[in-house]
Amino acid sequence: MSAIRAGFDTARTFLQEAWAELQRVHWPAQKEVRAATWVVLLLVSVIALYLFAVDAFLAWLLRLLLGY
């Protein structure tokens, strides 16, 4: 029975420490989140276009070399 109680005590301690840590977190403002989201979307779009261009070029090159 004491092993079960020790497990609950450990879980309670963990949850208390996790809650305390969440209270110390600096949560960004909505404006900061929106700006960061646009940066991420822009970079993902640029990388996707680059990969598409490389893929299309390599496909064209292979078709040219293999005669398809």
PDB file of N, CA and C in Angstrom:
ATOM      1  N   MET A   1       0.816  -1.187   0.000  1.00  0.00           N
ATOM      2  CA  MET A   1       0.000   0.000   0.000  1.00  0.00           C
ATOM      3  C   MET A   1       0.866   1.261   0.000  1.00  0.00           C
ATOM      4  N   SER A   2       2.008   1.185   0.659  1.00  0.00           N
ATOM      5  CA  SER A   2       2.869   2.362   0.722  1.00  0.00           C
ATOM      6  C   SER A   2       3.486   2.665  -0.646  1.00  0.00           C
ATOM      7  N   ALA A   3       3.654   1.624  -1.483  1.00  0.00           N
ATOM      8  CA  ALA A   3       4.188   1.852  -2.826  1.00  0.00           C
ATOM      9  C   ALA A   3       3.198   2.654  -3.663  1.00  0.00           C
ATOM     10  N   ILE A   4       1.912   2.370  -3.483  1.00  0.00           N
ATOM     11  CA  ILE A   4       0.880   3.116  -4.213  1.00  0.00           C
ATOM     12  C   ILE A   4       0.872   4.565  -3.740  1.00  0.00           C
ATOM     13  N   ARG A   5       0.948   4.747  -2.427  1.00  0.00           N
ATOM     14  CA  ARG A   5       0.957   6.106  -1.874  1.00  0.00           C
ATOM     15  C   ARG A   5       2.195   6.869  -2.353  1.00  0.00           C
ATOM     16  N   ALA A   6       3.330   6.206  -2.404  1.00  0.00           N
ATOM     17  CA  ALA A   6       4.554   6.850  -2.872  1.00  0.00           C
ATOM     18  C   ALA A   6       4.413   7.257  -4.338  1.00  0.00           C
ATOM     19  N   GLY A   7       3.758   6.420  -5.128  1.00  0.00           N
ATOM     20  CA  GLY A   7       3.532   6.755  -6.533  1.00  0.00           C
ATOM     21  C   GLY A   7       2.652   7.984  -6.678  1.00  0.00           C
ATOM     22  N   PHE A   8       1.595   8.062  -5.857  1.00  0.00           N
ATOM     23  CA  PHE A   8       0.717   9.238  -5.896  1.00  0.00           C
ATOM     24  C   PHE A   8       1.454  10.488  -5.423  1.00  0.00           C
ATOM     25  N   ASP A   9       2.284  10.336  -4.404  1.00  0.00           N
ATOM     26  CA  ASP A   9       3.061  11.479  -3.915  1.00  0.00           C
ATOM     27  C   ASP A   9       4.024  11.978  -4.988  1.00  0.00           C
ATOM     28  N   THR A  10       4.658  11.044  -5.678  1.00  0.00           N
ATOM     29  CA  THR A  10       5.569  11.417  -6.755  1.00  0.00           C
ATOM     30  C   THR A  10       4.823  12.128  -7.876  1.00  0.00           C
ATOM     31  N   ALA A  11       3.667  11.608  -8.238  1.00  0.00           N
ATOM     32  CA  ALA A  11       2.869  12.232  -9.296  1.00  0.00           C
ATOM     33  C   ALA A  11       2.414  13.622  -8.874  1.00  0.00           C
ATOM     34  N   ARG A  12       1.981  13.766  -7.611  1.00  0.00           N
ATOM     35  CA  ARG A  12       1.536  15.074  -7.121  1.00  0.00           C
ATOM     36  C   ARG A  12       2.689  16.076  -7.138  1.00  0.00           C
ATOM     37  N   THR A  13       3.863  15.642  -6.706  1.00  0.00           N
ATOM     38  CA  THR A  13       5.036  16.513  -6.719  1.00  0.00           C
ATOM     39  C   THR A  13       5.376  16.933  -8.143  1.00  0.00           C
ATOM     40  N   PHE A  14       5.330  15.990  -9.056  1.00  0.00           N
ATOM     41  CA  PHE A  14       5.615  16.308 -10.455  1.00  0.00           C
ATOM     42  C   PHE A  14       4.634  17.342 -10.988  1.00  0.00           C
ATOM     43  N   LEU A  15       3.342  17.142 -10.731  1.00  0.00           N
ATOM     44  CA  LEU A  15       2.331  18.073 -11.227  1.00  0.00           C
ATOM     45  C   LEU A  15       2.486  19.456 -10.600  1.00  0.00           C
ATOM     46  N   GLN A  16       2.830  19.515  -9.330  1.00  0.00           N
ATOM     47  CA  GLN A  16       3.049  20.809  -8.683  1.00  0.00           C
ATOM     48  C   GLN A  16       4.242  21.532  -9.299  1.00  0.00           C
ATOM     49  N   GLU A  17       5.320  20.798  -9.548  1.00  0.00           N
ATOM     50  CA  GLU A  17       6.500  21.406 -10.151  1.00  0.00           C
ATOM     51  C   GLU A  17       6.232  21.828 -11.590  1.00  0.00           C
ATOM     52  N   ALA A  18       5.478  21.020 -12.323  1.00  0.00           N
ATOM     53  CA  ALA A  18       5.138  21.378 -13.703  1.00  0.00           C
ATOM     54  C   ALA A  18       4.280  22.635 -13.729  1.00  0.00           C
ATOM     55  N   TRP A  19       3.312  22.735 -12.817  1.00  0.00           N
ATOM     56  CA  TRP A  19       2.453  23.924 -12.752  1.00  0.00           C
ATOM     57  C   TRP A  19       3.280  25.166 -12.403  1.00  0.00           C
ATOM     58  N   ALA A  20       4.212  25.017 -11.458  1.00  0.00           N
ATOM     59  CA  ALA A  20       5.076  26.141 -11.081  1.00  0.00           C
ATOM     60  C   ALA A  20       5.930  26.578 -12.270  1.00  0.00           C
ATOM     61  N   GLU A  21       6.416  25.628 -13.036  1.00  0.00           N
ATOM     62  CA  GLU A  21       7.219  25.952 -14.221  1.00  0.00           C
ATOM     63  C   GLU A  21       6.374  26.684 -15.256  1.00  0.00           C
ATOM     64  N   LEU A  22       5.138  26.251 -15.444  1.00  0.00           N
ATOM     65  CA  LEU A  22       4.252  26.931 -16.397  1.00  0.00           C
ATOM     66  C   LEU A  22       3.963  28.362 -15.971  1.00  0.00           C
ATOM     67  N   GLN A  23       3.963  28.625 -14.678  1.00  0.00           N
ATOM     68  CA  GLN A  23       3.732  29.988 -14.200  1.00  0.00           C
ATOM     69  C   GLN A  23       4.915  30.900 -14.507  1.00  0.00           C
ATOM     70  N   ARG A  24       6.117  30.330 -14.648  1.00  0.00           N
ATOM     71  CA  ARG A  24       7.316  31.124 -14.932  1.00  0.00           C
ATOM     72  C   ARG A  24       7.554  31.335 -16.420  1.00  0.00           C
ATOM     73  N   VAL A  25       6.805  30.655 -17.254  1.00  0.00           N
ATOM     74  CA  VAL A  25       7.011  30.750 -18.700  1.00  0.00           C
ATOM     75  C   VAL A  25       6.586  32.124 -19.189  1.00  0.00           C
ATOM     76  N   HIS A  26       7.397  32.707 -20.074  1.00  0.00           N
ATOM     77  CA  HIS A  26       7.018  33.967 -20.728  1.00  0.00           C
ATOM     78  C   HIS A  26       6.208  33.606 -21.963  1.00  0.00           C
ATOM     79  N   TRP A  27       4.910  33.818 -21.883  1.00  0.00           N
ATOM     80  CA  TRP A  27       4.046  33.518 -23.013  1.00  0.00           C
ATOM     81  C   TRP A  27       4.055  34.712 -23.952  1.00  0.00           C
ATOM     82  N   PRO A  28       4.287  34.497 -25.260  1.00  0.00           N
ATOM     83  CA  PRO A  28       4.350  35.625 -26.193  1.00  0.00           C
ATOM     84  C   PRO A  28       2.977  36.251 -26.396  1.00  0.00           C
ATOM     85  N   ALA A  29       3.007  37.524 -26.749  1.00  0.00           N
ATOM     86  CA  ALA A  29       1.764  38.227 -27.042  1.00  0.00           C
ATOM     87  C   ALA A  29       1.218  37.741 -28.382  1.00  0.00           C
ATOM     88  N   GLN A  30      -0.060  37.996 -28.596  1.00  0.00           N
ATOM     89  CA  GLN A  30      -0.701  37.546 -29.837  1.00  0.00           C
ATOM     90  C   GLN A  30      -0.010  38.146 -31.058  1.00  0.00           C
ATOM     91  N   LYS A  31       0.443  39.383 -30.947  1.00  0.00           N
ATOM     92  CA  LYS A  31       1.129  40.038 -32.064  1.00  0.00           C
ATOM     93  C   LYS A  31       2.434  39.308 -32.406  1.00  0.00           C
ATOM     94  N   GLU A  32       3.172  38.892 -31.381  1.00  0.00           N
ATOM     95  CA  GLU A  32       4.418  38.157 -31.603  1.00  0.00           C
ATOM     96  C   GLU A  32       4.151  36.801 -32.249  1.00  0.00           C
ATOM     97  N   VAL A  33       3.122  36.127 -31.789  1.00  0.00           N
ATOM     98  CA  VAL A  33       2.775  34.817 -32.351  1.00  0.00           C
ATOM     99  C   VAL A  33       2.385  34.962 -33.813  1.00  0.00           C
ATOM    100  N   ARG A  34       1.588  35.976 -34.117  1.00  0.00           N
ATOM    101  CA  ARG A  34       1.144  36.196 -35.493  1.00  0.00           C
ATOM    102  C   ARG A  34       2.343  36.490 -36.403  1.00  0.00           C
ATOM    103  N   ALA A  35       3.267  37.333 -35.944  1.00  0.00           N
ATOM    104  CA  ALA A  35       4.448  37.666 -36.744  1.00  0.00           C
ATOM    105  C   ALA A  35       5.310  36.423 -36.980  1.00  0.00           C
ATOM    106  N   ALA A  36       5.518  35.640 -35.945  1.00  0.00           N
ATOM    107  CA  ALA A  36       6.324  34.426 -36.084  1.00  0.00           C
ATOM    108  C   ALA A  36       5.646  33.422 -37.007  1.00  0.00           C
ATOM    109  N   THR A  37       4.326  33.349 -36.949  1.00  0.00           N
ATOM    110  CA  THR A  37       3.586  32.435 -37.820  1.00  0.00           C
ATOM    111  C   THR A  37       3.768  32.819 -39.279  1.00  0.00           C
ATOM    112  N   TRP A  38       3.698  34.115 -39.574  1.00  0.00           N
ATOM    113  CA  TRP A  38       3.892  34.562 -40.959  1.00  0.00           C
ATOM    114  C   TRP A  38       5.304  34.258 -41.449  1.00  0.00           C
ATOM    115  N   VAL A  39       6.291  34.423 -40.579  1.00  0.00           N
ATOM    116  CA  VAL A  39       7.671  34.107 -40.962  1.00  0.00           C
ATOM    117  C   VAL A  39       7.794  32.626 -41.284  1.00  0.00           C
ATOM    118  N   VAL A  40       7.223  31.782 -40.449  1.00  0.00           N
ATOM    119  CA  VAL A  40       7.284  30.331 -40.678  1.00  0.00           C
ATOM    120  C   VAL A  40       6.581  29.968 -41.981  1.00  0.00           C
ATOM    121  N   LEU A  41       5.392  30.516 -42.207  1.00  0.00           N
ATOM    122  CA  LEU A  41       4.658  30.214 -43.444  1.00  0.00           C
ATOM    123  C   LEU A  41       5.430  30.668 -44.675  1.00  0.00           C
ATOM    124  N   LEU A  42       6.047  31.841 -44.598  1.00  0.00           N
ATOM    125  CA  LEU A  42       6.835  32.343 -45.722  1.00  0.00           C
ATOM    126  C   LEU A  42       8.026  31.429 -46.002  1.00  0.00           C
ATOM    127  N   LEU A  43       8.755  31.061 -44.962  1.00  0.00           N
ATOM    128  CA  LEU A  43       9.920  30.196 -45.157  1.00  0.00           C
ATOM    129  C   LEU A  43       9.528  28.816 -45.673  1.00  0.00           C
ATOM    130  N   VAL A  44       8.454  28.261 -45.159  1.00  0.00           N
ATOM    131  CA  VAL A  44       7.989  26.958 -45.640  1.00  0.00           C
ATOM    132  C   VAL A  44       7.604  27.051 -47.105  1.00  0.00           C
ATOM    133  N   SER A  45       6.950  28.136 -47.498  1.00  0.00           N
ATOM    134  CA  SER A  45       6.557  28.314 -48.899  1.00  0.00           C
ATOM    135  C   SER A  45       7.772  28.437 -49.802  1.00  0.00           C
ATOM    136  N   VAL A  46       8.760  29.219 -49.382  1.00  0.00           N
ATOM    137  CA  VAL A  46       9.974  29.392 -50.188  1.00  0.00           C
ATOM    138  C   VAL A  46      10.706  28.065 -50.334  1.00  0.00           C
ATOM    139  N   ILE A  47      10.844  27.329 -49.255  1.00  0.00           N
ATOM    140  CA  ILE A  47      11.534  26.035 -49.314  1.00  0.00           C
ATOM    141  C   ILE A  47      10.753  25.052 -50.179  1.00  0.00           C
ATOM    142  N   ALA A  48       9.427  25.065 -50.078  1.00  0.00           N
ATOM    143  CA  ALA A  48       8.603  24.171 -50.900  1.00  0.00           C
ATOM    144  C   ALA A  48       8.763  24.499 -52.378  1.00  0.00           C
ATOM    145  N   LEU A  49       8.772  25.782 -52.721  1.00  0.00           N
ATOM    146  CA  LEU A  49       8.972  26.169 -54.123  1.00  0.00           C
ATOM    147  C   LEU A  49      10.353  25.760 -54.618  1.00  0.00           C
ATOM    148  N   TYR A  50      11.363  25.926 -53.787  1.00  0.00           N
ATOM    149  CA  TYR A  50      12.717  25.527 -54.160  1.00  0.00           C
ATOM    150  C   TYR A  50      12.781  24.019 -54.409  1.00  0.00           C
ATOM    151  N   LEU A  51      12.221  23.235 -53.499  1.00  0.00           N
ATOM    152  CA  LEU A  51      12.240  21.783 -53.673  1.00  0.00           C
ATOM    153  C   LEU A  51      11.442  21.355 -54.898  1.00  0.00           C
ATOM    154  N   PHE A  52      10.332  22.033 -55.162  1.00  0.00           N
ATOM    155  CA  PHE A  52       9.554  21.744 -56.364  1.00  0.00           C
ATOM    156  C   PHE A  52      10.384  22.017 -57.615  1.00  0.00           C
ATOM    157  N   ALA A  53      11.092  23.146 -57.633  1.00  0.00           N
ATOM    158  CA  ALA A  53      11.909  23.497 -58.794  1.00  0.00           C
ATOM    159  C   ALA A  53      13.029  22.478 -58.997  1.00  0.00           C
ATOM    160  N   VAL A  54      13.695  22.085 -57.934  1.00  0.00           N
ATOM    161  CA  VAL A  54      14.766  21.090 -58.046  1.00  0.00           C
ATOM    162  C   VAL A  54      14.201  19.765 -58.533  1.00  0.00           C
ATOM    163  N   ASP A  55      13.074  19.345 -57.992  1.00  0.00           N
ATOM    164  CA  ASP A  55      12.447  18.092 -58.401  1.00  0.00           C
ATOM    165  C   ASP A  55      12.041  18.139 -59.870  1.00  0.00           C
ATOM    166  N   ALA A  56      11.436  19.244 -60.297  1.00  0.00           N
ATOM    167  CA  ALA A  56      11.012  19.369 -61.693  1.00  0.00           C
ATOM    168  C   ALA A  56      12.219  19.350 -62.622  1.00  0.00           C
ATOM    169  N   PHE A  57      13.294  20.037 -62.228  1.00  0.00           N
ATOM    170  CA  PHE A  57      14.498  20.048 -63.055  1.00  0.00           C
ATOM    171  C   PHE A  57      15.102  18.652 -63.162  1.00  0.00           C
ATOM    172  N   LEU A  58      15.202  17.958 -62.048  1.00  0.00           N
ATOM    173  CA  LEU A  58      15.783  16.616 -62.084  1.00  0.00           C
ATOM    174  C   LEU A  58      14.908  15.647 -62.874  1.00  0.00           C
ATOM    175  N   ALA A  59      13.600  15.786 -62.776  1.00  0.00           N
ATOM    176  CA  ALA A  59      12.700  14.942 -63.565  1.00  0.00           C
ATOM    177  C   ALA A  59      12.888  15.224 -65.051  1.00  0.00           C
ATOM    178  N   TRP A  60      12.988  16.505 -65.407  1.00  0.00           N
ATOM    179  CA  TRP A  60      13.214  16.879 -66.808  1.00  0.00           C
ATOM    180  C   TRP A  60      14.543  16.322 -67.295  1.00  0.00           C
ATOM    181  N   LEU A  61      15.589  16.438 -66.476  1.00  0.00           N
ATOM    182  CA  LEU A  61      16.912  15.951 -66.849  1.00  0.00           C
ATOM    183  C   LEU A  61      16.904  14.433 -67.039  1.00  0.00           C
ATOM    184  N   LEU A  62      16.252  13.710 -66.161  1.00  0.00           N
ATOM    185  CA  LEU A  62      16.181  12.258 -66.302  1.00  0.00           C
ATOM    186  C   LEU A  62      15.403  11.854 -67.550  1.00  0.00           C
ATOM    187  N   ARG A  63      14.294  12.552 -67.820  1.00  0.00           N
ATOM    188  CA  ARG A  63      13.544  12.256 -69.044  1.00  0.00           C
ATOM    189  C   ARG A  63      14.404  12.520 -70.270  1.00  0.00           C
ATOM    190  N   LEU A  64      15.185  13.581 -70.237  1.00  0.00           N
ATOM    191  CA  LEU A  64      16.067  13.916 -71.354  1.00  0.00           C
ATOM    192  C   LEU A  64      17.143  12.843 -71.527  1.00  0.00           C
ATOM    193  N   LEU A  65      17.759  12.433 -70.442  1.00  0.00           N
ATOM    194  CA  LEU A  65      18.843  11.457 -70.509  1.00  0.00           C
ATOM    195  C   LEU A  65      18.348  10.051 -70.843  1.00  0.00           C
ATOM    196  N   LEU A  66      17.173   9.691 -70.344  1.00  0.00           N
ATOM    197  CA  LEU A  66      16.669   8.342 -70.561  1.00  0.00           C
ATOM    198  C   LEU A  66      15.773   8.238 -71.790  1.00  0.00           C
ATOM    199  N   GLY A  67      15.448   9.356 -72.397  1.00  0.00           N
ATOM    200  CA  GLY A  67      14.673   9.352 -73.628  1.00  0.00           C
ATOM    201  C   GLY A  67      13.201   9.073 -73.453  1.00  0.00           C
ATOM    202  N   TYR A  68      12.595   9.486 -72.365  1.00  0.00           N
ATOM    203  CA  TYR A  68      11.158   9.278 -72.161  1.00  0.00           C
ATOM    204  C   TYR A  68      10.360  10.348 -72.823  1.00  0.00           C
TER     205      TYR A  68
END
